[in-house]
Amino acid sequence: MQKSRINGDKMEEKRSFKKNMTELNRIVTELEKGDIPLERAVELYGEGVKLSAICKKQLSEAKIKITEVDGNLPSEK
């Protein structure tokens, strides 16, 4: 059984969105198997919730950056 590599929010925020999504998908896959002890399932669920929030924050920050860039571009008329 692979132990999760999540240690704290700072670590996940420094990881790329792709790596965070890959880890989240790994967690989902393990949970979907259904053959893990309840304690491990609860632990994985908590880690998944944290990763989901981090991914959402990363997407939000990317959207802000894109909006700022779009706002600074001369309008095309």
N, C-alpha and C. Protein backbone atom coordinates (compact mmCIF):
# COMPACT_ATOMS: atom_id res chain seq x y z
N MET A 1 0.85 -1.19 0.00
CA MET A 1 0.00 0.00 0.00
C MET A 1 0.89 1.24 0.00
N GLN A 2 0.67 2.12 -0.96
CA GLN A 2 1.48 3.32 -1.08
C GLN A 2 0.98 4.39 -0.13
N LYS A 3 1.87 4.93 0.63
CA LYS A 3 1.54 6.01 1.54
C LYS A 3 1.52 7.31 0.76
N SER A 4 0.58 8.16 1.05
CA SER A 4 0.47 9.42 0.33
C SER A 4 1.66 10.32 0.63
N ARG A 5 1.96 11.18 -0.31
CA ARG A 5 3.10 12.08 -0.16
C ARG A 5 2.67 13.47 0.29
N ILE A 6 1.47 13.61 0.76
CA ILE A 6 0.99 14.93 1.16
C ILE A 6 1.46 15.24 2.57
N ASN A 7 2.20 16.33 2.71
CA ASN A 7 2.73 16.69 4.02
C ASN A 7 2.18 18.02 4.52
N GLY A 8 1.76 18.87 3.63
CA GLY A 8 1.24 20.17 4.03
C GLY A 8 0.90 21.00 2.82
N ASP A 9 0.05 22.00 3.01
CA ASP A 9 -0.42 22.80 1.89
C ASP A 9 0.70 23.45 1.11
N LYS A 10 1.75 23.89 1.77
CA LYS A 10 2.84 24.58 1.07
C LYS A 10 3.48 23.66 0.04
N MET A 11 3.68 22.40 0.40
CA MET A 11 4.31 21.46 -0.52
C MET A 11 3.46 21.27 -1.77
N GLU A 12 2.16 21.09 -1.60
CA GLU A 12 1.30 20.84 -2.75
C GLU A 12 1.17 22.07 -3.63
N GLU A 13 1.17 23.26 -3.03
CA GLU A 13 1.04 24.47 -3.82
C GLU A 13 2.28 24.68 -4.67
N LYS A 14 3.43 24.20 -4.23
CA LYS A 14 4.66 24.33 -5.01
C LYS A 14 4.70 23.30 -6.14
N ARG A 15 3.99 22.19 -5.96
CA ARG A 15 3.95 21.19 -7.03
C ARG A 15 3.08 21.72 -8.15
N SER A 16 3.35 21.23 -9.34
CA SER A 16 2.59 21.68 -10.50
C SER A 16 1.14 21.18 -10.39
N PHE A 17 0.28 21.87 -11.11
CA PHE A 17 -1.12 21.46 -11.16
C PHE A 17 -1.23 20.02 -11.66
N LYS A 18 -0.44 19.70 -12.68
CA LYS A 18 -0.48 18.35 -13.25
C LYS A 18 -0.11 17.30 -12.21
N LYS A 19 0.93 17.56 -11.43
CA LYS A 19 1.34 16.59 -10.40
C LYS A 19 0.27 16.46 -9.32
N ASN A 20 -0.33 17.58 -8.94
CA ASN A 20 -1.40 17.52 -7.94
C ASN A 20 -2.60 16.73 -8.47
N MET A 21 -2.95 16.95 -9.74
CA MET A 21 -4.06 16.21 -10.33
C MET A 21 -3.74 14.72 -10.45
N THR A 22 -2.50 14.40 -10.78
CA THR A 22 -2.09 13.00 -10.87
C THR A 22 -2.23 12.32 -9.51
N GLU A 23 -1.80 13.01 -8.47
CA GLU A 23 -1.91 12.46 -7.11
C GLU A 23 -3.38 12.33 -6.72
N LEU A 24 -4.19 13.31 -7.06
CA LEU A 24 -5.61 13.24 -6.75
C LEU A 24 -6.26 12.07 -7.47
N ASN A 25 -5.91 11.86 -8.73
CA ASN A 25 -6.44 10.72 -9.48
C ASN A 25 -6.01 9.39 -8.87
N ARG A 26 -4.77 9.34 -8.37
CA ARG A 26 -4.29 8.12 -7.71
C ARG A 26 -5.12 7.82 -6.47
N ILE A 27 -5.41 8.86 -5.71
CA ILE A 27 -6.23 8.71 -4.50
C ILE A 27 -7.63 8.22 -4.86
N VAL A 28 -8.23 8.84 -5.87
CA VAL A 28 -9.58 8.45 -6.30
C VAL A 28 -9.60 6.99 -6.74
N THR A 29 -8.59 6.60 -7.50
CA THR A 29 -8.51 5.22 -7.98
C THR A 29 -8.42 4.25 -6.81
N GLU A 30 -7.59 4.58 -5.83
CA GLU A 30 -7.44 3.71 -4.66
C GLU A 30 -8.75 3.62 -3.88
N LEU A 31 -9.43 4.75 -3.73
CA LEU A 31 -10.70 4.74 -3.01
C LEU A 31 -11.77 3.94 -3.76
N GLU A 32 -11.76 4.04 -5.08
CA GLU A 32 -12.77 3.35 -5.89
C GLU A 32 -12.60 1.83 -5.84
N LYS A 33 -11.40 1.37 -5.57
CA LYS A 33 -11.18 -0.08 -5.46
C LYS A 33 -12.04 -0.67 -4.35
N GLY A 34 -12.18 0.08 -3.27
CA GLY A 34 -13.05 -0.35 -2.19
C GLY A 34 -12.49 -1.45 -1.31
N ASP A 35 -11.27 -1.88 -1.53
CA ASP A 35 -10.72 -2.98 -0.73
C ASP A 35 -9.67 -2.50 0.25
N ILE A 36 -9.88 -1.30 0.79
CA ILE A 36 -8.93 -0.76 1.76
C ILE A 36 -9.64 -0.59 3.10
N PRO A 37 -8.88 -0.63 4.18
CA PRO A 37 -9.48 -0.44 5.51
C PRO A 37 -10.13 0.94 5.63
N LEU A 38 -11.14 1.01 6.45
CA LEU A 38 -11.89 2.25 6.65
C LEU A 38 -10.97 3.40 7.06
N GLU A 39 -10.04 3.13 7.96
CA GLU A 39 -9.14 4.18 8.43
C GLU A 39 -8.32 4.76 7.28
N ARG A 40 -7.84 3.89 6.40
CA ARG A 40 -7.06 4.33 5.24
C ARG A 40 -7.95 5.12 4.27
N ALA A 41 -9.19 4.66 4.10
CA ALA A 41 -10.12 5.36 3.22
C ALA A 41 -10.40 6.77 3.74
N VAL A 42 -10.57 6.91 5.03
CA VAL A 42 -10.82 8.23 5.62
C VAL A 42 -9.60 9.12 5.44
N GLU A 43 -8.41 8.56 5.63
CA GLU A 43 -7.17 9.30 5.45
C GLU A 43 -7.04 9.77 4.00
N LEU A 44 -7.27 8.87 3.06
CA LEU A 44 -7.18 9.22 1.65
C LEU A 44 -8.21 10.27 1.27
N TYR A 45 -9.41 10.12 1.80
CA TYR A 45 -10.47 11.09 1.51
C TYR A 45 -10.03 12.49 1.95
N GLY A 46 -9.49 12.59 3.15
CA GLY A 46 -9.02 13.88 3.66
C GLY A 46 -7.93 14.47 2.78
N GLU A 47 -7.01 13.63 2.35
CA GLU A 47 -5.94 14.10 1.47
C GLU A 47 -6.51 14.54 0.13
N GLY A 48 -7.49 13.81 -0.36
CA GLY A 48 -8.13 14.18 -1.62
C GLY A 48 -8.83 15.52 -1.54
N VAL A 49 -9.50 15.76 -0.43
CA VAL A 49 -10.18 17.04 -0.23
C VAL A 49 -9.17 18.18 -0.24
N LYS A 50 -8.03 17.98 0.45
CA LYS A 50 -6.99 19.02 0.47
C LYS A 50 -6.44 19.27 -0.93
N LEU A 51 -6.14 18.19 -1.64
CA LEU A 51 -5.60 18.33 -2.99
C LEU A 51 -6.60 19.00 -3.92
N SER A 52 -7.86 18.65 -3.78
CA SER A 52 -8.91 19.26 -4.59
C SER A 52 -8.95 20.78 -4.36
N ALA A 53 -8.84 21.19 -3.11
CA ALA A 53 -8.85 22.61 -2.79
C ALA A 53 -7.62 23.31 -3.37
N ILE A 54 -6.48 22.65 -3.30
CA ILE A 54 -5.24 23.22 -3.84
C ILE A 54 -5.35 23.36 -5.36
N CYS A 55 -5.88 22.35 -6.03
CA CYS A 55 -6.05 22.41 -7.48
C CYS A 55 -7.02 23.53 -7.86
N LYS A 56 -8.07 23.66 -7.09
CA LYS A 56 -9.04 24.73 -7.35
C LYS A 56 -8.38 26.10 -7.19
N LYS A 57 -7.52 26.24 -6.17
CA LYS A 57 -6.81 27.50 -5.96
C LYS A 57 -5.85 27.76 -7.11
N GLN A 58 -5.14 26.71 -7.57
CA GLN A 58 -4.22 26.88 -8.69
C GLN A 58 -4.96 27.31 -9.96
N LEU A 59 -6.12 26.73 -10.20
CA LEU A 59 -6.93 27.12 -11.36
C LEU A 59 -7.40 28.56 -11.24
N SER A 60 -7.81 28.93 -10.05
CA SER A 60 -8.28 30.30 -9.82
C SER A 60 -7.15 31.31 -10.06
N GLU A 61 -5.95 30.97 -9.57
CA GLU A 61 -4.81 31.86 -9.78
C GLU A 61 -4.45 31.97 -11.26
N ALA A 62 -4.55 30.86 -11.98
CA ALA A 62 -4.28 30.88 -13.42
C ALA A 62 -5.31 31.74 -14.14
N LYS A 63 -6.56 31.64 -13.72
CA LYS A 63 -7.62 32.44 -14.34
C LYS A 63 -7.38 33.92 -14.11
N ILE A 64 -6.94 34.27 -12.90
CA ILE A 64 -6.64 35.67 -12.59
C ILE A 64 -5.52 36.18 -13.48
N LYS A 65 -4.46 35.37 -13.64
CA LYS A 65 -3.33 35.78 -14.48
C LYS A 65 -3.78 35.97 -15.92
N ILE A 66 -4.61 35.07 -16.41
CA ILE A 66 -5.09 35.17 -17.79
C ILE A 66 -5.95 36.42 -17.95
N THR A 67 -6.79 36.68 -16.99
CA THR A 67 -7.66 37.86 -17.03
C THR A 67 -6.82 39.13 -17.02
N GLU A 68 -5.76 39.14 -16.20
CA GLU A 68 -4.89 40.31 -16.15
C GLU A 68 -4.20 40.54 -17.49
N VAL A 69 -3.72 39.46 -18.10
CA VAL A 69 -3.06 39.58 -19.40
C VAL A 69 -4.04 40.06 -20.44
N ASP A 70 -5.23 39.48 -20.46
CA ASP A 70 -6.25 39.90 -21.42
C ASP A 70 -6.62 41.37 -21.23
N GLY A 71 -6.67 41.81 -20.00
CA GLY A 71 -7.02 43.19 -19.71
C GLY A 71 -5.94 44.18 -20.14
N ASN A 72 -4.71 43.70 -20.23
CA ASN A 72 -3.60 44.58 -20.60
C ASN A 72 -3.32 44.57 -22.10
N LEU A 73 -3.98 43.72 -22.84
CA LEU A 73 -3.78 43.66 -24.29
C LEU A 73 -4.62 44.74 -24.97
N PRO A 74 -4.06 45.36 -25.99
CA PRO A 74 -4.89 46.34 -26.73
C PRO A 74 -6.08 45.64 -27.38
N SER A 75 -7.19 46.29 -27.35
CA SER A 75 -8.38 45.66 -27.93
C SER A 75 -8.26 45.61 -29.45
N GLU A 76 -8.77 44.52 -30.00
CA GLU A 76 -8.72 44.33 -31.44
C GLU A 76 -10.02 44.81 -32.05
N LYS A 77 -9.95 45.85 -32.86
CA LYS A 77 -11.17 46.40 -33.48
C LYS A 77 -11.03 46.41 -34.96
